Amino acid sequence: MSSHLNWLIVRNNHAFLYKKRNVKKPFSSEPGNLRNINSLRHNGFLNKKAVHIAPEPQGKGIVLSFKAGKYHQRKPAKNLQKTTLKHGPRRSLMKLKRWFECNQYRQDLTMPALRRASCILKSQKPQPVKSKRRVRRVGKAGKNSKSGKGAKKTE
């Protein structure tokens, strides 16, 4: 079946759909949907070419998953290919951008993929430890102070 016919069947009801009150367009959370919008253009399991960006399991880098294209369409287990990018944030983003350019892979997904990868890499960045703020205490009355127990009475 064509992707358009499949879309007409699953557009209002599928496992990844999130419908909320007062929101006209429902959200979708399937892998391969970079914008999380429920539409044919952004759908991950209907399009022949789809990209999914996920955090790397050890927490350093991103995993780029993409559909292999027409060669493995009828073999879903071989269809999804994964590449790990852990060369630092700026270099990983540059490699991701070049991957889209060199493979001529759906140019409309370049910016959403870069945005998602950037957010993932930003979340993996170690947070700076904030030092506790020191509270100044007023010192006790000593020998030289005029108030307190040790103060001499002057009359």
C-alpha atoms as a PDB file:
ATOM      1  CA  MET A   1       0.000   0.000   0.000  1.00  0.00           C
ATOM      2  CA  SER A   2       1.102   3.535  -0.596  1.00  0.00           C
ATOM      3  CA  SER A   3       2.093   5.810   2.254  1.00  0.00           C
ATOM      4  CA  HIS A   4      -0.866   8.112   1.466  1.00  0.00           C
ATOM      5  CA  LEU A   5      -3.363   5.296   1.862  1.00  0.00           C
ATOM      6  CA  ASN A   6      -1.675   4.166   5.087  1.00  0.00           C
ATOM      7  CA  TRP A   7      -1.861   7.746   6.365  1.00  0.00           C
ATOM      8  CA  LEU A   8      -5.603   7.919   5.731  1.00  0.00           C
ATOM      9  CA  ILE A   9      -6.003   4.742   7.790  1.00  0.00           C
ATOM     10  CA  VAL A  10      -3.835   5.650  10.793  1.00  0.00           C
ATOM     11  CA  ARG A  11      -4.012   9.450  10.993  1.00  0.00           C
ATOM     12  CA  ASN A  12      -6.703   9.620  13.683  1.00  0.00           C
ATOM     13  CA  ASN A  13      -5.815   6.532  15.672  1.00  0.00           C
ATOM     14  CA  HIS A  14      -2.429   4.946  16.314  1.00  0.00           C
ATOM     15  CA  ALA A  15      -0.331   3.943  19.323  1.00  0.00           C
ATOM     16  CA  PHE A  16       1.905   7.031  19.341  1.00  0.00           C
ATOM     17  CA  LEU A  17      -0.861   9.659  19.180  1.00  0.00           C
ATOM     18  CA  TYR A  18      -1.344  12.235  21.975  1.00  0.00           C
ATOM     19  CA  LYS A  19      -4.574  14.200  21.878  1.00  0.00           C
ATOM     20  CA  LYS A  20      -5.075  17.108  24.282  1.00  0.00           C
ATOM     21  CA  ARG A  21      -7.925  19.469  24.968  1.00  0.00           C
ATOM     22  CA  ASN A  22      -7.889  22.887  23.324  1.00  0.00           C
ATOM     23  CA  VAL A  23      -5.081  21.801  20.973  1.00  0.00           C
ATOM     24  CA  LYS A  24      -6.167  21.593  17.345  1.00  0.00           C
ATOM     25  CA  LYS A  25      -3.374  19.369  16.040  1.00  0.00           C
ATOM     26  CA  PRO A  26      -2.534  16.234  18.052  1.00  0.00           C
ATOM     27  CA  PHE A  27       1.057  15.304  18.864  1.00  0.00           C
ATOM     28  CA  SER A  28       2.801  12.091  17.928  1.00  0.00           C
ATOM     29  CA  SER A  29       5.797  10.429  19.596  1.00  0.00           C
ATOM     30  CA  GLU A  30       6.848   7.723  17.157  1.00  0.00           C
ATOM     31  CA  PRO A  31      10.533   7.198  16.413  1.00  0.00           C
ATOM     32  CA  GLY A  32      11.490   9.094  13.289  1.00  0.00           C
ATOM     33  CA  ASN A  33       9.168  12.027  13.970  1.00  0.00           C
ATOM     34  CA  LEU A  34      11.571  14.867  14.794  1.00  0.00           C
ATOM     35  CA  ARG A  35       8.932  17.574  15.247  1.00  0.00           C
ATOM     36  CA  ASN A  36       6.424  15.414  17.214  1.00  0.00           C
ATOM     37  CA  ILE A  37       3.619  16.645  14.969  1.00  0.00           C
ATOM     38  CA  ASN A  38       0.998  14.208  13.718  1.00  0.00           C
ATOM     39  CA  SER A  39       1.215  14.738   9.947  1.00  0.00           C
ATOM     40  CA  LEU A  40       2.135  12.726   6.879  1.00  0.00           C
ATOM     41  CA  ARG A  41       5.225  14.813   6.255  1.00  0.00           C
ATOM     42  CA  HIS A  42       6.705  14.250   9.719  1.00  0.00           C
ATOM     43  CA  ASN A  43       5.493  10.681  10.271  1.00  0.00           C
ATOM     44  CA  GLY A  44       8.318   8.256  11.041  1.00  0.00           C
ATOM     45  CA  PHE A  45       6.816   4.895  10.215  1.00  0.00           C
ATOM     46  CA  LEU A  46       5.069   5.789   6.930  1.00  0.00           C
ATOM     47  CA  ASN A  47       7.794   7.676   5.074  1.00  0.00           C
ATOM     48  CA  LYS A  48      10.421   5.745   3.142  1.00  0.00           C
ATOM     49  CA  LYS A  49      13.121   8.010   4.519  1.00  0.00           C
ATOM     50  CA  ALA A  50      12.967   8.976   8.183  1.00  0.00           C
ATOM     51  CA  VAL A  51      15.570  10.038  10.749  1.00  0.00           C
ATOM     52  CA  HIS A  52      15.547   9.599  14.518  1.00  0.00           C
ATOM     53  CA  ILE A  53      17.956  11.314  16.927  1.00  0.00           C
ATOM     54  CA  ALA A  54      18.318   9.816  20.423  1.00  0.00           C
ATOM     55  CA  PRO A  55      20.777  10.194  23.320  1.00  0.00           C
ATOM     56  CA  GLU A  56      23.586   7.669  23.473  1.00  0.00           C
ATOM     57  CA  PRO A  57      23.015   5.054  26.237  1.00  0.00           C
ATOM     58  CA  GLN A  58      26.201   5.932  28.159  1.00  0.00           C
ATOM     59  CA  GLY A  59      25.248   9.608  28.104  1.00  0.00           C
ATOM     60  CA  LYS A  60      28.025  10.941  25.866  1.00  0.00           C
ATOM     61  CA  GLY A  61      26.890  11.711  22.347  1.00  0.00           C
ATOM     62  CA  ILE A  62      23.913  11.026  20.119  1.00  0.00           C
ATOM     63  CA  VAL A  63      22.642   8.090  18.077  1.00  0.00           C
ATOM     64  CA  LEU A  64      21.543   8.787  14.510  1.00  0.00           C
ATOM     65  CA  SER A  65      19.029   6.186  13.286  1.00  0.00           C
ATOM     66  CA  PHE A  66      17.788   6.279   9.722  1.00  0.00           C
ATOM     67  CA  LYS A  67      15.878   4.130   7.276  1.00  0.00           C
ATOM     68  CA  ALA A  68      18.128   2.450   4.739  1.00  0.00           C
ATOM     69  CA  GLY A  69      15.866   3.277   1.821  1.00  0.00           C
ATOM     70  CA  LYS A  70      14.435   1.139  -0.921  1.00  0.00           C
ATOM     71  CA  TYR A  71      16.822  -1.809  -0.500  1.00  0.00           C
ATOM     72  CA  HIS A  72      15.402  -3.020   2.815  1.00  0.00           C
ATOM     73  CA  GLN A  73      11.784  -1.878   2.634  1.00  0.00           C
ATOM     74  CA  ARG A  74      10.371  -5.371   2.981  1.00  0.00           C
ATOM     75  CA  LYS A  75      12.806  -6.356   5.744  1.00  0.00           C
ATOM     76  CA  PRO A  76      12.006  -4.166   8.761  1.00  0.00           C
ATOM     77  CA  ALA A  77      14.769  -5.658  10.918  1.00  0.00           C
ATOM     78  CA  LYS A  78      17.441  -4.545   8.425  1.00  0.00           C
ATOM     79  CA  ASN A  79      15.716  -1.306   7.477  1.00  0.00           C
ATOM     80  CA  LEU A  80      16.841   0.770  10.471  1.00  0.00           C
ATOM     81  CA  GLN A  81      20.550   1.618  10.598  1.00  0.00           C
ATOM     82  CA  LYS A  82      22.274   3.352  13.507  1.00  0.00           C
ATOM     83  CA  THR A  83      25.365   5.516  13.804  1.00  0.00           C
ATOM     84  CA  THR A  84      26.804   6.893  17.041  1.00  0.00           C
ATOM     85  CA  LEU A  85      28.314  10.382  17.115  1.00  0.00           C
ATOM     86  CA  LYS A  86      30.468  11.095  20.175  1.00  0.00           C
ATOM     87  CA  HIS A  87      33.070  13.547  18.963  1.00  0.00           C
ATOM     88  CA  GLY A  88      32.087  16.469  21.154  1.00  0.00           C
ATOM     89  CA  PRO A  89      29.086  18.756  20.691  1.00  0.00           C
ATOM     90  CA  ARG A  90      30.243  21.056  17.875  1.00  0.00           C
ATOM     91  CA  ARG A  91      31.890  18.337  15.841  1.00  0.00           C
ATOM     92  CA  SER A  92      28.896  15.999  16.219  1.00  0.00           C
ATOM     93  CA  LEU A  93      26.533  18.702  14.969  1.00  0.00           C
ATOM     94  CA  MET A  94      28.832  19.411  12.027  1.00  0.00           C
ATOM     95  CA  LYS A  95      29.014  15.708  11.155  1.00  0.00           C
ATOM     96  CA  LEU A  96      25.221  15.452  11.347  1.00  0.00           C
ATOM     97  CA  LYS A  97      24.818  18.429   9.010  1.00  0.00           C
ATOM     98  CA  ARG A  98      27.335  16.989   6.541  1.00  0.00           C
ATOM     99  CA  TRP A  99      25.574  13.595   6.689  1.00  0.00           C
ATOM    100  CA  PHE A 100      22.359  15.236   5.465  1.00  0.00           C
ATOM    101  CA  GLU A 101      24.209  17.126   2.717  1.00  0.00           C
ATOM    102  CA  CYS A 102      26.333  14.229   1.432  1.00  0.00           C
ATOM    103  CA  ASN A 103      23.608  11.577   1.473  1.00  0.00           C
ATOM    104  CA  GLN A 104      20.988  13.922  -0.011  1.00  0.00           C
ATOM    105  CA  TYR A 105      18.625  12.689   2.674  1.00  0.00           C
ATOM    106  CA  ARG A 106      15.402  14.733   3.037  1.00  0.00           C
ATOM    107  CA  GLN A 107      16.672  18.277   3.340  1.00  0.00           C
ATOM    108  CA  ASP A 108      13.511  19.364   5.187  1.00  0.00           C
ATOM    109  CA  LEU A 109      14.638  17.291   8.198  1.00  0.00           C
ATOM    110  CA  THR A 110      18.066  18.944   8.557  1.00  0.00           C
ATOM    111  CA  MET A 111      17.137  21.779  10.926  1.00  0.00           C
ATOM    112  CA  PRO A 112      14.786  19.751  13.165  1.00  0.00           C
ATOM    113  CA  ALA A 113      17.493  17.079  13.470  1.00  0.00           C
ATOM    114  CA  LEU A 114      20.132  19.658  14.366  1.00  0.00           C
ATOM    115  CA  ARG A 115      17.827  21.260  16.941  1.00  0.00           C
ATOM    116  CA  ARG A 116      17.018  17.945  18.593  1.00  0.00           C
ATOM    117  CA  ALA A 117      20.689  16.895  18.622  1.00  0.00           C
ATOM    118  CA  SER A 118      21.684  20.260  20.075  1.00  0.00           C
ATOM    119  CA  CYS A 119      19.150  19.920  22.918  1.00  0.00           C
ATOM    120  CA  ILE A 120      20.316  16.376  23.684  1.00  0.00           C
ATOM    121  CA  LEU A 121      23.974  17.422  23.749  1.00  0.00           C
ATOM    122  CA  LYS A 122      23.122  20.431  25.925  1.00  0.00           C
ATOM    123  CA  SER A 123      21.332  18.182  28.419  1.00  0.00           C
ATOM    124  CA  GLN A 124      24.381  15.887  28.595  1.00  0.00           C
ATOM    125  CA  LYS A 125      26.662  18.781  29.501  1.00  0.00           C
ATOM    126  CA  PRO A 126      27.666  18.592  33.183  1.00  0.00           C
ATOM    127  CA  GLN A 127      25.938  21.191  35.292  1.00  0.00           C
ATOM    128  CA  PRO A 128      28.198  23.554  37.250  1.00  0.00           C
ATOM    129  CA  VAL A 129      28.097  22.990  40.996  1.00  0.00           C
ATOM    130  CA  LYS A 130      26.831  26.040  42.796  1.00  0.00           C
ATOM    131  CA  SER A 131      28.711  26.858  45.976  1.00  0.00           C
ATOM    132  CA  LYS A 132      26.628  27.355  49.077  1.00  0.00           C
ATOM    133  CA  ARG A 133      26.125  30.921  50.036  1.00  0.00           C
ATOM    134  CA  ARG A 134      27.884  31.806  53.251  1.00  0.00           C
ATOM    135  CA  VAL A 135      25.739  33.475  55.846  1.00  0.00           C
ATOM    136  CA  ARG A 136      27.521  36.084  57.896  1.00  0.00           C
ATOM    137  CA  ARG A 137      26.843  35.854  61.569  1.00  0.00           C
ATOM    138  CA  VAL A 138      27.068  38.700  63.986  1.00  0.00           C
ATOM    139  CA  GLY A 139      29.968  38.029  66.354  1.00  0.00           C
ATOM    140  CA  LYS A 140      29.506  37.460  70.076  1.00  0.00           C
ATOM    141  CA  ALA A 141      30.181  40.255  72.510  1.00  0.00           C
ATOM    142  CA  GLY A 142      33.865  40.093  73.396  1.00  0.00           C
ATOM    143  CA  LYS A 143      36.139  41.815  75.865  1.00  0.00           C
ATOM    144  CA  ASN A 144      36.295  45.087  74.007  1.00  0.00           C
ATOM    145  CA  SER A 145      32.610  45.453  73.226  1.00  0.00           C
ATOM    146  CA  LYS A 146      30.420  47.569  75.487  1.00  0.00           C
ATOM    147  CA  SER A 147      27.456  45.231  75.592  1.00  0.00           C
ATOM    148  CA  GLY A 148      27.344  41.721  76.942  1.00  0.00           C
ATOM    149  CA  LYS A 149      28.440  39.982  80.129  1.00  0.00           C
ATOM    150  CA  GLY A 150      32.027  41.202  80.238  1.00  0.00           C
ATOM    151  CA  ALA A 151      31.160  44.876  79.801  1.00  0.00           C
ATOM    152  CA  LYS A 152      31.961  47.263  82.621  1.00  0.00           C
ATOM    153  CA  LYS A 153      29.292  49.502  83.961  1.00  0.00           C
ATOM    154  CA  THR A 154      30.084  53.157  83.839  1.00  0.00           C
ATOM    155  CA  GLU A 155      28.238  55.574  85.985  1.00  0.00           C
END
